Amino acid sequence: MRVAFVGKGGSGKTTLSALFSRHLARSGAPVLAIDGDINQHLAEALGLEQDHLDAPPLGAHLPEIKDCLRGTNPRIASREAMIKTTPPGRGSRLLRLLGDDEIHARHVRRVGDVPLMVTGEFDESDLGVACYHSKLGGVELYLNHLVDGPGEYVVVDMTAGADAFASGLFTRFDITFLVAEPTRKGVSVYRQYRDHAREFGIRIAVIGNKVTGEEDLLFLKEQVGDDLLTHLVHSPWVRAAEQGRPEDGLDTLEPHNRHALNILRETIDGHPKNWPTLHRHAVEFHLRNARAWADQATGLDLAAQVDPEFVPGPTALT
């Protein structure tokens, strides 16, 4: 299952992405965390002690990723003809989670018990000429070509605010967890996400964070209603970790917050995988991009990359 953590900047979505990834890994479940935020802090939140993750970022290696994923698909003649939204078809290279392939081998490193991939930061050549969504193209291509099975989890820490809607990446997930503080600003992003997501049938569940009492919880219930799934209370455990004084394992995390992590997993496990819808959204956003800019940029009719005979999901692996 693919899970996105979104929310206002400072809401705690990176912290919760890390906590949930560690929670899954601790149980022995196959999990991959992906840092898809313009501010690359997920490795640090997972406990990385060195300055940076010793793994090539996805955003810096899009040409090689395209070459790998297009495989022998006859509808994609070259890496130059492949854009970030290009959906898989017959002959495309499909991936299993943490499988034996060059993308996982090159781009995944473990931080503690959690395998991690990163999109990468802006570098000097990007300033003033590129948007961050160009970096996220590697994540979108990866998710388009991933066939994740039952009991497998991809956890993506997304960009802050409603900026994720600037690309089709927001449709690549089975469920989206929106982290909201109990403030008016904290729930403002929820309203934006809710309204955009309804158009595409994207499921959103709200996680209240930094809740200090009944008034905070009542405020969240009044503002988001039935979309409020659970909440986490103010956490000395998290604060210690953020100050470089990590506690020993999740066993010492506050009981209420451990229970909230269990609820997140139960929610995901109870949510059915819908391969046809995932693929339909991939095709829809590919055609949108083709019409808007990519046909002109490539000089090709990229609608021809859509394979009407391709059947998404596990059967495509056989």
Protein backbone atom coordinates (compact mmCIF):
# COMPACT_ATOMS: atom_id res chain seq x y z
CA MET A 1 0.00 0.00 0.00
CA ARG A 2 1.20 3.52 -0.84
CA VAL A 3 0.71 6.17 1.85
CA ALA A 4 1.32 9.92 1.63
CA PHE A 5 1.78 12.22 4.60
CA VAL A 6 0.78 15.81 3.81
CA GLY A 7 -0.02 18.94 5.78
CA LYS A 8 0.92 22.51 6.51
CA GLY A 9 4.59 23.25 6.97
CA GLY A 10 5.49 22.63 10.61
CA SER A 11 2.48 20.38 11.25
CA GLY A 12 4.70 17.39 11.99
CA LYS A 13 4.17 15.39 8.80
CA THR A 14 7.88 14.53 8.49
CA THR A 15 8.00 13.42 12.11
CA LEU A 16 4.90 11.25 11.63
CA SER A 17 6.24 9.84 8.36
CA ALA A 18 9.36 8.75 10.25
CA LEU A 19 7.46 7.41 13.26
CA PHE A 20 5.08 5.41 11.10
CA SER A 21 7.89 4.02 8.94
CA ARG A 22 9.76 2.92 12.06
CA HIS A 23 6.56 1.44 13.49
CA LEU A 24 6.06 -0.67 10.35
CA ALA A 25 9.70 -1.74 10.16
CA ARG A 26 9.69 -2.70 13.84
CA SER A 27 6.84 -5.13 13.12
CA GLY A 28 8.89 -6.82 10.41
CA ALA A 29 6.75 -5.51 7.54
CA PRO A 30 8.44 -4.64 4.23
CA VAL A 31 8.52 -0.83 4.12
CA LEU A 32 10.18 1.85 2.02
CA ALA A 33 10.21 5.49 3.10
CA ILE A 34 10.59 8.20 0.45
CA ASP A 35 11.47 11.82 1.18
CA GLY A 36 9.47 13.81 -1.36
CA ASP A 37 9.63 17.15 0.46
CA ILE A 38 11.56 20.15 -0.82
CA ASN A 39 13.06 20.30 2.68
CA GLN A 40 14.86 16.97 2.94
CA HIS A 41 14.61 16.08 6.64
CA LEU A 42 13.17 12.57 6.66
CA ALA A 43 16.57 10.89 7.01
CA GLU A 44 17.31 13.06 10.03
CA ALA A 45 13.90 12.28 11.51
CA LEU A 46 14.64 8.57 11.07
CA GLY A 47 17.82 9.00 13.09
CA LEU A 48 20.57 9.59 10.51
CA GLU A 49 23.56 10.98 12.38
CA GLN A 50 25.77 11.99 9.45
CA ASP A 51 25.28 15.11 7.33
CA HIS A 52 23.54 13.43 4.39
CA LEU A 53 22.25 10.12 3.12
CA ASP A 54 24.88 8.19 1.19
CA ALA A 55 22.61 7.40 -1.73
CA PRO A 56 22.11 9.09 -5.11
CA PRO A 57 18.88 11.15 -5.11
CA LEU A 58 16.17 10.17 -7.57
CA GLY A 59 15.84 13.68 -8.98
CA ALA A 60 19.43 13.74 -10.20
CA HIS A 61 19.16 10.47 -12.13
CA LEU A 62 15.91 10.74 -14.10
CA PRO A 63 17.47 9.71 -17.46
CA GLU A 64 18.83 6.46 -16.01
CA ILE A 65 15.53 5.78 -14.21
CA LYS A 66 13.63 6.25 -17.46
CA ASP A 67 15.95 3.87 -19.31
CA CYS A 68 15.38 1.23 -16.66
CA LEU A 69 11.61 1.57 -16.48
CA ARG A 70 10.79 1.80 -20.18
CA GLY A 71 12.29 -1.66 -20.63
CA THR A 72 11.23 -3.09 -23.98
CA ASN A 73 7.96 -1.15 -24.20
CA PRO A 74 7.62 -0.52 -27.96
CA ARG A 75 5.51 2.58 -27.34
CA ILE A 76 8.47 4.42 -25.76
CA ALA A 77 11.28 4.84 -28.27
CA SER A 78 13.82 6.56 -26.00
CA ARG A 79 14.38 8.17 -22.62
CA GLU A 80 13.73 11.55 -24.27
CA ALA A 81 10.23 10.38 -25.21
CA MET A 82 9.41 9.40 -21.63
CA ILE A 83 8.04 12.00 -19.22
CA LYS A 84 7.32 11.74 -15.51
CA THR A 85 3.69 10.73 -16.08
CA THR A 86 4.33 8.04 -18.70
CA PRO A 87 2.29 5.04 -17.56
CA PRO A 88 3.55 1.47 -17.82
CA GLY A 89 2.56 -0.79 -20.68
CA ARG A 90 3.44 -4.20 -21.98
CA GLY A 91 7.23 -4.47 -22.00
CA SER A 92 7.75 -1.85 -19.29
CA ARG A 93 10.02 -2.76 -16.38
CA LEU A 94 7.79 -3.30 -13.37
CA LEU A 95 9.24 -3.26 -9.87
CA ARG A 96 8.60 -5.23 -6.72
CA LEU A 97 9.08 -3.40 -3.44
CA LEU A 98 12.78 -3.51 -2.49
CA GLY A 99 13.32 -5.99 -5.30
CA ASP A 100 16.54 -7.02 -6.99
CA ASP A 101 16.76 -4.22 -9.55
CA GLU A 102 19.09 -1.33 -10.29
CA ILE A 103 16.78 1.39 -8.96
CA HIS A 104 16.50 -0.09 -5.48
CA ALA A 105 20.17 -1.11 -5.47
CA ARG A 106 21.34 2.37 -6.39
CA HIS A 107 18.93 4.64 -4.57
CA VAL A 108 17.93 2.87 -1.32
CA ARG A 109 19.91 3.09 1.91
CA ARG A 110 18.88 2.01 5.39
CA VAL A 111 18.55 4.50 8.20
CA GLY A 112 18.23 2.34 11.26
CA ASP A 113 15.69 -0.32 10.31
CA VAL A 114 14.03 1.75 7.56
CA PRO A 115 15.03 1.62 3.87
CA LEU A 116 14.94 5.17 2.49
CA MET A 117 14.98 6.88 -0.92
CA VAL A 118 15.24 10.65 -1.38
CA THR A 119 14.29 12.97 -4.22
CA GLY A 120 17.17 15.33 -3.52
CA GLU A 121 17.48 19.02 -2.79
CA PHE A 122 17.70 21.99 -5.10
CA ASP A 123 21.25 22.55 -6.26
CA GLU A 124 22.80 25.75 -7.54
CA SER A 125 21.93 25.01 -11.16
CA ASP A 126 18.21 24.73 -10.27
CA LEU A 127 17.87 28.11 -8.61
CA GLY A 128 15.62 30.45 -10.56
CA VAL A 129 15.09 28.03 -13.46
CA ALA A 130 13.40 24.90 -12.09
CA CYS A 131 10.47 23.98 -9.91
CA TYR A 132 10.63 21.26 -7.29
CA HIS A 133 8.15 19.11 -9.18
CA SER A 134 10.93 18.30 -11.65
CA LYS A 135 12.69 16.54 -8.76
CA LEU A 136 9.52 14.60 -7.92
CA GLY A 137 9.37 13.07 -11.39
CA GLY A 138 11.47 10.14 -10.18
CA VAL A 139 8.97 9.36 -7.41
CA GLU A 140 6.02 9.52 -9.79
CA LEU A 141 7.71 7.20 -12.30
CA TYR A 142 8.71 4.83 -9.52
CA LEU A 143 5.17 4.59 -8.14
CA ASN A 144 3.71 4.22 -11.64
CA HIS A 145 5.88 1.15 -12.20
CA LEU A 146 5.71 -0.36 -8.70
CA VAL A 147 3.61 -3.46 -8.07
CA ASP A 148 3.37 -3.52 -4.29
CA GLY A 149 1.80 -6.53 -2.68
CA PRO A 150 -0.35 -7.13 0.42
CA GLY A 151 1.40 -6.23 3.64
CA GLU A 152 3.98 -4.05 1.85
CA TYR A 153 4.16 -0.33 2.52
CA VAL A 154 5.55 2.76 0.79
CA VAL A 155 5.50 5.85 3.02
CA VAL A 156 6.08 9.20 1.28
CA ASP A 157 6.72 12.47 3.09
CA MET A 158 5.23 14.98 0.64
CA THR A 159 5.72 18.69 0.04
CA ALA A 160 4.00 21.06 2.47
CA GLY A 161 0.63 22.65 1.86
CA ALA A 162 -1.51 22.03 -1.20
CA ASP A 163 1.50 22.24 -3.53
CA ALA A 164 1.32 18.48 -4.15
CA PHE A 165 -1.66 19.13 -6.42
CA ALA A 166 0.61 20.83 -8.95
CA SER A 167 1.33 17.36 -10.36
CA GLY A 168 -0.50 14.07 -10.65
CA LEU A 169 1.59 12.54 -7.87
CA PHE A 170 -1.23 13.02 -5.38
CA THR A 171 -3.22 10.29 -7.20
CA ARG A 172 -0.45 7.68 -6.82
CA PHE A 173 -1.44 6.71 -3.27
CA ASP A 174 -3.95 4.31 -1.77
CA ILE A 175 -4.60 6.67 1.13
CA THR A 176 -3.42 10.13 2.15
CA PHE A 177 -2.88 11.07 5.78
CA LEU A 178 -3.22 14.80 6.37
CA VAL A 179 -1.48 15.97 9.54
CA ALA A 180 -3.22 18.92 11.16
CA GLU A 181 -2.46 20.94 14.26
CA PRO A 182 -5.47 22.14 16.28
CA THR A 183 -5.34 25.68 14.89
CA ARG A 184 -7.15 27.54 12.11
CA LYS A 185 -4.00 27.55 10.01
CA GLY A 186 -3.51 23.89 10.77
CA VAL A 187 -6.85 22.89 9.27
CA SER A 188 -6.78 25.34 6.34
CA VAL A 189 -4.68 22.94 4.26
CA TYR A 190 -7.19 20.19 5.04
CA ARG A 191 -9.95 22.14 3.32
CA GLN A 192 -7.82 22.63 0.21
CA TYR A 193 -6.92 18.94 0.08
CA ARG A 194 -10.47 17.84 0.75
CA ASP A 195 -11.90 19.89 -2.09
CA HIS A 196 -9.24 18.84 -4.63
CA ALA A 197 -9.28 15.19 -3.60
CA ARG A 198 -13.05 14.82 -3.89
CA GLU A 199 -12.79 15.47 -7.62
CA PHE A 200 -10.68 12.33 -8.05
CA GLY A 201 -12.05 10.10 -5.32
CA ILE A 202 -8.84 10.29 -3.27
CA ARG A 203 -9.32 9.11 0.30
CA ILE A 204 -8.06 11.51 2.96
CA ALA A 205 -7.84 10.80 6.67
CA VAL A 206 -6.85 13.52 9.11
CA ILE A 207 -4.37 12.94 11.93
CA GLY A 208 -4.52 15.54 14.66
CA ASN A 209 -1.07 16.36 15.99
CA LYS A 210 0.34 18.19 19.01
CA VAL A 211 -2.98 17.87 20.83
CA THR A 212 -2.71 19.10 24.42
CA GLY A 213 -6.23 18.58 25.76
CA GLU A 214 -9.95 18.19 25.19
CA GLU A 215 -10.35 21.69 23.75
CA ASP A 216 -7.80 20.93 21.03
CA LEU A 217 -9.53 17.66 20.21
CA LEU A 218 -12.97 19.28 20.15
CA PHE A 219 -11.67 21.97 17.78
CA LEU A 220 -10.37 19.35 15.35
CA LYS A 221 -13.63 17.40 15.48
CA GLU A 222 -15.61 20.56 14.75
CA GLN A 223 -13.37 21.52 11.84
CA VAL A 224 -12.82 18.21 10.03
CA GLY A 225 -15.72 16.04 11.22
CA ASP A 226 -15.67 12.39 10.27
CA ASP A 227 -12.37 12.77 8.40
CA LEU A 228 -10.58 12.90 11.77
CA LEU A 229 -9.10 9.42 12.12
CA THR A 230 -7.00 9.75 15.27
CA HIS A 231 -4.69 12.16 17.04
CA LEU A 232 -1.32 12.30 18.73
CA VAL A 233 -0.67 14.14 21.94
CA HIS A 234 2.26 16.44 22.64
CA SER A 235 5.28 14.17 22.83
CA PRO A 236 8.36 14.59 25.05
CA TRP A 237 9.71 11.51 23.24
CA VAL A 238 9.58 13.31 19.90
CA ARG A 239 10.99 16.52 21.35
CA ALA A 240 13.95 14.62 22.80
CA ALA A 241 14.62 13.01 19.43
CA GLU A 242 14.44 16.39 17.67
CA GLN A 243 16.98 17.77 20.13
CA GLY A 244 19.41 14.94 19.45
CA ARG A 245 18.52 13.01 22.60
CA PRO A 246 16.73 10.01 21.04
CA GLU A 247 14.98 7.63 23.37
CA ASP A 248 15.64 3.90 23.08
CA GLY A 249 13.20 2.59 20.48
CA LEU A 250 9.48 3.09 20.06
CA ASP A 251 8.69 1.12 23.20
CA THR A 252 9.12 4.31 25.23
CA LEU A 253 6.92 6.42 22.95
CA GLU A 254 3.84 7.62 24.82
CA PRO A 255 1.16 4.86 24.92
CA HIS A 256 -1.49 7.07 23.32
CA ASN A 257 0.83 7.87 20.42
CA ARG A 258 1.76 4.20 19.94
CA HIS A 259 -1.96 3.44 19.81
CA ALA A 260 -2.43 6.14 17.14
CA LEU A 261 0.25 4.49 15.00
CA ASN A 262 -1.61 1.19 15.32
CA ILE A 263 -4.79 2.89 14.11
CA LEU A 264 -2.97 4.20 11.04
CA ARG A 265 -1.82 0.73 10.11
CA GLU A 266 -5.22 -0.82 10.74
CA THR A 267 -6.78 1.82 8.50
CA ILE A 268 -4.35 1.09 5.67
CA ASP A 269 -4.73 -2.66 6.01
CA GLY A 270 -8.50 -2.32 5.85
CA HIS A 271 -8.40 -0.19 2.70
CA PRO A 272 -8.73 -2.26 -0.49
CA LYS A 273 -6.16 -1.87 -3.25
CA ASN A 274 -7.73 -0.55 -6.45
CA TRP A 275 -5.35 -1.16 -9.34
CA PRO A 276 -7.77 -0.07 -12.08
CA THR A 277 -8.32 3.31 -10.42
CA LEU A 278 -4.61 3.88 -9.85
CA HIS A 279 -3.90 3.16 -13.50
CA ARG A 280 -6.85 5.22 -14.73
CA HIS A 281 -5.55 8.23 -12.83
CA ALA A 282 -2.04 7.65 -14.20
CA VAL A 283 -3.36 7.64 -17.75
CA GLU A 284 -5.57 10.68 -17.17
CA PHE A 285 -2.73 12.83 -15.85
CA HIS A 286 -0.39 11.62 -18.57
CA LEU A 287 -2.85 12.77 -21.21
CA ARG A 288 -3.29 16.10 -19.41
CA ASN A 289 0.46 16.68 -19.42
CA ALA A 290 0.74 15.58 -23.03
CA ARG A 291 -1.83 18.14 -24.13
CA ALA A 292 -0.57 20.92 -21.86
CA TRP A 293 3.14 20.85 -22.73
CA ALA A 294 4.75 17.49 -23.37
CA ASP A 295 3.59 16.88 -26.95
CA GLN A 296 5.07 20.20 -27.97
CA ALA A 297 8.24 19.69 -25.93
CA THR A 298 8.95 16.24 -27.36
CA GLY A 299 7.50 16.69 -30.82
CA LEU A 300 5.53 13.48 -30.30
CA ASP A 301 1.94 12.40 -29.74
CA LEU A 302 2.39 11.05 -26.23
CA ALA A 303 -1.17 9.75 -26.09
CA ALA A 304 0.23 6.88 -28.17
CA GLN A 305 2.23 5.77 -25.10
CA VAL A 306 -0.98 4.59 -23.43
CA ASP A 307 -1.30 0.84 -23.90
CA PRO A 308 -5.02 -0.04 -23.93
CA GLU A 309 -4.23 -3.74 -23.51
CA PHE A 310 -2.13 -3.31 -20.36
CA VAL A 311 -3.66 -4.81 -17.22
CA PRO A 312 -2.22 -3.18 -14.05
CA GLY A 313 -1.41 -5.00 -10.85
CA PRO A 314 0.14 -8.37 -9.98
CA THR A 315 -1.04 -10.06 -13.16
CA ALA A 316 1.25 -7.74 -15.14
CA LEU A 317 4.27 -9.41 -13.48
CA THR A 318 3.54 -12.79 -15.06
